[in-house]
Amino acid sequence: MTTASATLDLESARLVLAAQPFAALVGTELTEFGDGRATLIVPIRAEIGQQFGYVHGGALSYLADNTLTFAAGTVLGANVLTVGFTITYLRPARGARLRAEAVVTGSTRRQAVVNCEIYAESDDTEPILCAVAQGTTRTVERDLRT
């Protein structure tokens, strides 16, 4: 079944996030969504760590991928998938939570290029930029629920 991409508001986007089993597993929260921007938060727990006590690069990559896609969804609609992204790890991440902020830098009717910054945060220190990513997303012409 083919459906047109629908425009989402913050509450609808939160329902999309809640439908992602992996997002639920890591405790992802959507805090900003609209006008070409999205922000996702993931609590830092031992389960997303690596052997040196820092956040695993795979967890950072997941967060970049998902935040890029949500930001793109603000301009392209609900049926959006990441088609590729690059990530650069700047410094190890540790603290209480990860905060990823993504901004659409350009878009057409069917695709968007998005930049993302990921910060490690604690309540008692300044956020530390630990990774940056850039990705391309594209609309999908089918009902993604099937």
C-alpha atoms as a PDB file:
ATOM      1  CA  MET A   1       0.000   0.000   0.000  1.00  0.00           C
ATOM      2  CA  THR A   2       1.366   3.406  -0.939  1.00  0.00           C
ATOM      3  CA  THR A   3       0.755   6.409   1.285  1.00  0.00           C
ATOM      4  CA  ALA A   4       1.915   9.984   1.147  1.00  0.00           C
ATOM      5  CA  SER A   5       4.279  11.163   3.848  1.00  0.00           C
ATOM      6  CA  ALA A   6       2.390  12.965   6.542  1.00  0.00           C
ATOM      7  CA  THR A   7       3.630  15.993   8.393  1.00  0.00           C
ATOM      8  CA  LEU A   8       4.307  15.248  12.048  1.00  0.00           C
ATOM      9  CA  ASP A   9       4.124  17.333  15.182  1.00  0.00           C
ATOM     10  CA  LEU A  10       6.189  16.664  18.324  1.00  0.00           C
ATOM     11  CA  GLU A  11       3.632  14.326  19.901  1.00  0.00           C
ATOM     12  CA  SER A  12       3.192  12.307  16.690  1.00  0.00           C
ATOM     13  CA  ALA A  13       6.964  12.072  16.290  1.00  0.00           C
ATOM     14  CA  ARG A  14       7.209  10.786  19.868  1.00  0.00           C
ATOM     15  CA  LEU A  15       4.771   8.020  18.945  1.00  0.00           C
ATOM     16  CA  VAL A  16       6.996   7.085  16.001  1.00  0.00           C
ATOM     17  CA  LEU A  17       9.986   6.921  18.362  1.00  0.00           C
ATOM     18  CA  ALA A  18       8.019   4.835  20.865  1.00  0.00           C
ATOM     19  CA  ALA A  19       7.308   2.303  18.082  1.00  0.00           C
ATOM     20  CA  GLN A  20      11.050   1.654  17.626  1.00  0.00           C
ATOM     21  CA  PRO A  21      12.046  -1.331  19.802  1.00  0.00           C
ATOM     22  CA  PHE A  22      15.735  -0.363  19.862  1.00  0.00           C
ATOM     23  CA  ALA A  23      14.932   3.206  20.903  1.00  0.00           C
ATOM     24  CA  ALA A  24      12.885   1.824  23.784  1.00  0.00           C
ATOM     25  CA  LEU A  25      15.754  -0.526  24.724  1.00  0.00           C
ATOM     26  CA  VAL A  26      18.242   2.337  25.117  1.00  0.00           C
ATOM     27  CA  GLY A  27      15.707   4.804  26.563  1.00  0.00           C
ATOM     28  CA  THR A  28      15.712   7.382  23.773  1.00  0.00           C
ATOM     29  CA  GLU A  29      13.681  10.553  24.331  1.00  0.00           C
ATOM     30  CA  LEU A  30      12.677  13.115  21.685  1.00  0.00           C
ATOM     31  CA  THR A  31      12.855  16.630  23.149  1.00  0.00           C
ATOM     32  CA  GLU A  32      12.780  18.875  20.051  1.00  0.00           C
ATOM     33  CA  PHE A  33      11.104  18.324  16.683  1.00  0.00           C
ATOM     34  CA  GLY A  34      10.235  20.928  14.062  1.00  0.00           C
ATOM     35  CA  ASP A  35      11.500  23.486  11.562  1.00  0.00           C
ATOM     36  CA  GLY A  36      14.318  21.279  10.246  1.00  0.00           C
ATOM     37  CA  ARG A  37      15.581  20.371  13.732  1.00  0.00           C
ATOM     38  CA  ALA A  38      15.412  17.449  16.114  1.00  0.00           C
ATOM     39  CA  THR A  39      17.011  16.643  19.458  1.00  0.00           C
ATOM     40  CA  LEU A  40      17.225  13.179  20.990  1.00  0.00           C
ATOM     41  CA  ILE A  41      18.481  12.238  24.467  1.00  0.00           C
ATOM     42  CA  VAL A  42      19.840   8.839  25.538  1.00  0.00           C
ATOM     43  CA  PRO A  43      20.747   8.126  29.161  1.00  0.00           C
ATOM     44  CA  ILE A  44      24.282   6.778  29.569  1.00  0.00           C
ATOM     45  CA  ARG A  45      24.206   3.350  31.212  1.00  0.00           C
ATOM     46  CA  ALA A  46      26.754   0.557  31.508  1.00  0.00           C
ATOM     47  CA  GLU A  47      24.860  -1.447  28.857  1.00  0.00           C
ATOM     48  CA  ILE A  48      25.838   1.005  26.093  1.00  0.00           C
ATOM     49  CA  GLY A  49      29.478   1.141  27.158  1.00  0.00           C
ATOM     50  CA  GLN A  50      32.683  -0.403  25.941  1.00  0.00           C
ATOM     51  CA  GLN A  51      35.599  -1.951  27.826  1.00  0.00           C
ATOM     52  CA  PHE A  52      37.236   1.363  28.850  1.00  0.00           C
ATOM     53  CA  GLY A  53      34.085   2.767  30.457  1.00  0.00           C
ATOM     54  CA  TYR A  54      33.118   5.111  27.634  1.00  0.00           C
ATOM     55  CA  VAL A  55      29.987   4.998  25.458  1.00  0.00           C
ATOM     56  CA  HIS A  56      30.378   2.494  22.618  1.00  0.00           C
ATOM     57  CA  GLY A  57      30.744   3.999  19.138  1.00  0.00           C
ATOM     58  CA  GLY A  58      27.774   1.942  17.973  1.00  0.00           C
ATOM     59  CA  ALA A  59      25.530   3.733  20.464  1.00  0.00           C
ATOM     60  CA  LEU A  60      26.776   7.096  19.189  1.00  0.00           C
ATOM     61  CA  SER A  61      26.166   5.975  15.597  1.00  0.00           C
ATOM     62  CA  TYR A  62      22.632   4.850  16.427  1.00  0.00           C
ATOM     63  CA  LEU A  63      21.919   8.215  18.007  1.00  0.00           C
ATOM     64  CA  ALA A  64      23.318  10.146  15.037  1.00  0.00           C
ATOM     65  CA  ASP A  65      21.355   8.027  12.545  1.00  0.00           C
ATOM     66  CA  ASN A  66      18.057   8.397  14.381  1.00  0.00           C
ATOM     67  CA  THR A  67      18.457  12.124  15.069  1.00  0.00           C
ATOM     68  CA  LEU A  68      19.358  12.812  11.425  1.00  0.00           C
ATOM     69  CA  THR A  69      16.238  11.001  10.302  1.00  0.00           C
ATOM     70  CA  PHE A  70      13.940  12.771  12.752  1.00  0.00           C
ATOM     71  CA  ALA A  71      15.271  16.183  11.690  1.00  0.00           C
ATOM     72  CA  ALA A  72      14.700  15.251   8.043  1.00  0.00           C
ATOM     73  CA  GLY A  73      11.181  14.136   8.913  1.00  0.00           C
ATOM     74  CA  THR A  74      10.341  17.704   9.892  1.00  0.00           C
ATOM     75  CA  VAL A  75      10.757  18.801   6.258  1.00  0.00           C
ATOM     76  CA  LEU A  76      10.094  15.593   4.287  1.00  0.00           C
ATOM     77  CA  GLY A  77       7.278  13.985   6.267  1.00  0.00           C
ATOM     78  CA  ALA A  78       6.910  10.726   8.140  1.00  0.00           C
ATOM     79  CA  ASN A  79       8.165   8.188   5.553  1.00  0.00           C
ATOM     80  CA  VAL A  80      11.883   8.933   5.732  1.00  0.00           C
ATOM     81  CA  LEU A  81      14.906   6.635   5.953  1.00  0.00           C
ATOM     82  CA  THR A  82      18.621   7.349   6.221  1.00  0.00           C
ATOM     83  CA  VAL A  83      20.442   6.357   3.025  1.00  0.00           C
ATOM     84  CA  GLY A  84      23.926   7.072   4.350  1.00  0.00           C
ATOM     85  CA  PHE A  85      25.870   8.982   6.955  1.00  0.00           C
ATOM     86  CA  THR A  86      29.381   9.541   8.219  1.00  0.00           C
ATOM     87  CA  ILE A  87      30.366  10.053  11.816  1.00  0.00           C
ATOM     88  CA  THR A  88      33.535  11.405  13.355  1.00  0.00           C
ATOM     89  CA  TYR A  89      34.299  10.618  16.994  1.00  0.00           C
ATOM     90  CA  LEU A  90      36.007  13.635  18.543  1.00  0.00           C
ATOM     91  CA  ARG A  91      36.498  12.480  22.123  1.00  0.00           C
ATOM     92  CA  PRO A  92      35.268   9.666  24.372  1.00  0.00           C
ATOM     93  CA  ALA A  93      31.748  10.064  25.744  1.00  0.00           C
ATOM     94  CA  ARG A  94      30.835   9.564  29.374  1.00  0.00           C
ATOM     95  CA  GLY A  95      28.529  11.265  31.826  1.00  0.00           C
ATOM     96  CA  ALA A  96      24.812  11.094  32.573  1.00  0.00           C
ATOM     97  CA  ARG A  97      23.327  11.353  29.078  1.00  0.00           C
ATOM     98  CA  LEU A  98      23.970  11.889  25.389  1.00  0.00           C
ATOM     99  CA  ARG A  99      22.227  14.759  23.605  1.00  0.00           C
ATOM    100  CA  ALA A 100      22.132  14.750  19.802  1.00  0.00           C
ATOM    101  CA  GLU A 101      21.046  17.850  17.884  1.00  0.00           C
ATOM    102  CA  ALA A 102      20.426  17.611  14.142  1.00  0.00           C
ATOM    103  CA  VAL A 103      19.716  20.374  11.633  1.00  0.00           C
ATOM    104  CA  VAL A 104      18.648  20.051   7.997  1.00  0.00           C
ATOM    105  CA  THR A 105      21.176  21.968   5.886  1.00  0.00           C
ATOM    106  CA  GLY A 106      19.420  21.446   2.548  1.00  0.00           C
ATOM    107  CA  SER A 107      16.536  19.525   1.073  1.00  0.00           C
ATOM    108  CA  THR A 108      14.586  18.745  -2.059  1.00  0.00           C
ATOM    109  CA  ARG A 109      11.127  17.239  -2.344  1.00  0.00           C
ATOM    110  CA  ARG A 110      12.505  13.717  -1.717  1.00  0.00           C
ATOM    111  CA  GLN A 111      15.793  14.005   0.147  1.00  0.00           C
ATOM    112  CA  ALA A 112      17.576  16.032   2.795  1.00  0.00           C
ATOM    113  CA  VAL A 113      21.141  16.543   3.981  1.00  0.00           C
ATOM    114  CA  VAL A 114      21.411  16.832   7.739  1.00  0.00           C
ATOM    115  CA  ASN A 115      24.209  17.681  10.197  1.00  0.00           C
ATOM    116  CA  CYS A 116      24.287  16.318  13.735  1.00  0.00           C
ATOM    117  CA  GLU A 117      26.299  17.087  16.871  1.00  0.00           C
ATOM    118  CA  ILE A 118      26.376  14.699  19.824  1.00  0.00           C
ATOM    119  CA  TYR A 119      27.219  15.950  23.310  1.00  0.00           C
ATOM    120  CA  ALA A 120      28.000  14.017  26.481  1.00  0.00           C
ATOM    121  CA  GLU A 121      26.361  15.746  29.429  1.00  0.00           C
ATOM    122  CA  SER A 122      26.448  15.631  33.208  1.00  0.00           C
ATOM    123  CA  ASP A 123      24.533  17.768  35.645  1.00  0.00           C
ATOM    124  CA  ASP A 124      27.695  19.314  37.106  1.00  0.00           C
ATOM    125  CA  THR A 125      29.818  19.986  33.995  1.00  0.00           C
ATOM    126  CA  GLU A 126      29.558  21.731  30.635  1.00  0.00           C
ATOM    127  CA  PRO A 127      28.387  19.538  27.713  1.00  0.00           C
ATOM    128  CA  ILE A 128      31.271  18.011  25.749  1.00  0.00           C
ATOM    129  CA  LEU A 129      31.038  17.660  21.969  1.00  0.00           C
ATOM    130  CA  CYS A 130      32.036  14.047  21.397  1.00  0.00           C
ATOM    131  CA  ALA A 131      30.914  13.306  17.820  1.00  0.00           C
ATOM    132  CA  VAL A 132      29.677  14.971  14.640  1.00  0.00           C
ATOM    133  CA  ALA A 133      27.819  13.371  11.755  1.00  0.00           C
ATOM    134  CA  GLN A 134      26.400  14.248   8.377  1.00  0.00           C
ATOM    135  CA  GLY A 135      23.821  12.182   6.572  1.00  0.00           C
ATOM    136  CA  THR A 136      21.431  11.979   3.677  1.00  0.00           C
ATOM    137  CA  THR A 137      17.837  10.867   4.057  1.00  0.00           C
ATOM    138  CA  ARG A 138      15.218  10.038   1.473  1.00  0.00           C
ATOM    139  CA  THR A 139      11.465   9.675   1.389  1.00  0.00           C
ATOM    140  CA  VAL A 140      10.013   6.225   0.871  1.00  0.00           C
ATOM    141  CA  GLU A 141       6.868   5.758  -1.221  1.00  0.00           C
ATOM    142  CA  ARG A 142       5.184   3.038   0.792  1.00  0.00           C
ATOM    143  CA  ASP A 143       3.508   2.463   4.111  1.00  0.00           C
ATOM    144  CA  LEU A 144       6.406   1.760   6.474  1.00  0.00           C
ATOM    145  CA  ARG A 145       4.140   0.011   8.966  1.00  0.00           C
ATOM    146  CA  THR A 146       3.886  -3.085   6.759  1.00  0.00           C
END
